[in-house]
Amino acid sequence: MNNKDRLLTVDDVAERLGTGVRFVRRLIAERRIRYVKLGKHVRISESVLTAYIEERTVEPVRTRRSSFGLVA
C-alpha cells in the first residue's frame, strides 16, 4: 500500500467486484484479502483490491488451429 492509495469501504469493494457485501466480509473474515482496521471500521486500499483482482485473473487458453479437418 502506498501513500496515494484511497481506502475503500466494504460497500465500495463489493460494488467494484460486482458482488455482495457479504462476500467481501467473508474475504476479510477468512483473511483472503489484506485490510486496514480503523477502530470498528474496515477499509481495503485500492492497490490491494487491484492486486487481488490481478492475482485471480485467469488468462484465456490459446489454441493453434490445425490445418487438418477444414472444409472448403
Protein backbone atom coordinates (compact mmCIF):
# COMPACT_ATOMS: atom_id res chain seq x y z
CA MET A 1 0.00 0.00 0.00
CA ASN A 2 1.44 3.37 -0.95
CA ASN A 3 0.64 6.81 0.45
CA LYS A 4 -1.55 7.78 -2.51
CA ASP A 5 -3.91 4.81 -2.08
CA ARG A 6 -7.52 5.53 -1.37
CA LEU A 7 -9.06 3.41 1.36
CA LEU A 8 -12.31 1.82 0.21
CA THR A 9 -15.25 0.78 2.33
CA VAL A 10 -16.64 -2.74 2.19
CA ASP A 11 -19.56 -1.36 0.16
CA ASP A 12 -17.14 0.24 -2.35
CA VAL A 13 -15.21 -3.01 -2.75
CA ALA A 14 -18.40 -5.02 -3.23
CA GLU A 15 -19.55 -2.60 -5.91
CA ARG A 16 -16.21 -2.72 -7.75
CA LEU A 17 -16.14 -6.52 -7.64
CA GLY A 18 -19.78 -6.77 -8.66
CA THR A 19 -20.56 -8.87 -5.60
CA GLY A 20 -22.48 -8.51 -2.41
CA VAL A 21 -21.13 -7.03 0.80
CA ARG A 22 -21.40 -10.46 2.40
CA PHE A 23 -18.78 -11.88 0.00
CA VAL A 24 -16.31 -9.10 0.84
CA ARG A 25 -16.88 -9.57 4.57
CA ARG A 26 -16.19 -13.30 4.14
CA LEU A 27 -12.91 -12.49 2.33
CA ILE A 28 -11.96 -10.32 5.30
CA ALA A 29 -13.05 -12.86 7.93
CA GLU A 30 -11.08 -15.63 6.19
CA ARG A 31 -8.13 -13.25 5.72
CA ARG A 32 -8.09 -13.85 1.99
CA ILE A 33 -7.60 -10.13 1.33
CA ARG A 34 -5.45 -7.56 3.13
CA TYR A 35 -7.36 -4.89 5.01
CA VAL A 36 -6.90 -1.98 7.40
CA LYS A 37 -8.79 -1.92 10.68
CA LEU A 38 -9.65 1.57 11.94
CA GLY A 39 -11.46 1.08 15.21
CA LYS A 40 -14.56 -0.87 14.26
CA HIS A 41 -14.28 0.17 10.60
CA VAL A 42 -12.60 -1.97 7.96
CA ARG A 43 -11.03 -0.49 4.82
CA ILE A 44 -9.29 -2.01 1.81
CA SER A 45 -6.81 0.02 -0.19
CA GLU A 46 -7.23 0.37 -3.94
CA SER A 47 -3.83 -1.21 -4.61
CA VAL A 48 -4.74 -4.27 -2.53
CA LEU A 49 -8.01 -4.63 -4.43
CA THR A 50 -6.20 -4.26 -7.77
CA ALA A 51 -3.64 -6.90 -6.74
CA TYR A 52 -6.42 -9.22 -5.55
CA ILE A 53 -8.16 -8.95 -8.93
CA GLU A 54 -4.91 -9.41 -10.90
CA GLU A 55 -3.91 -12.49 -8.89
CA ARG A 56 -7.23 -14.13 -9.65
CA THR A 57 -7.48 -13.17 -13.31
CA VAL A 58 -7.40 -16.26 -15.50
CA GLU A 59 -5.84 -15.86 -18.92
CA PRO A 60 -7.63 -17.50 -21.85
CA VAL A 61 -6.20 -20.66 -23.32
CA ARG A 62 -4.88 -20.05 -26.80
CA THR A 63 -5.00 -22.99 -29.13
CA ARG A 64 -3.47 -23.21 -32.55
CA ARG A 65 -5.85 -24.09 -35.29
CA SER A 66 -4.99 -27.26 -37.07
CA SER A 67 -4.90 -27.12 -40.86
CA PHE A 68 -6.38 -30.59 -40.92
CA GLY A 69 -10.08 -31.13 -40.97
CA LEU A 70 -11.00 -27.83 -42.56
CA VAL A 71 -13.85 -27.95 -45.02
CA ALA A 72 -13.59 -25.85 -48.16
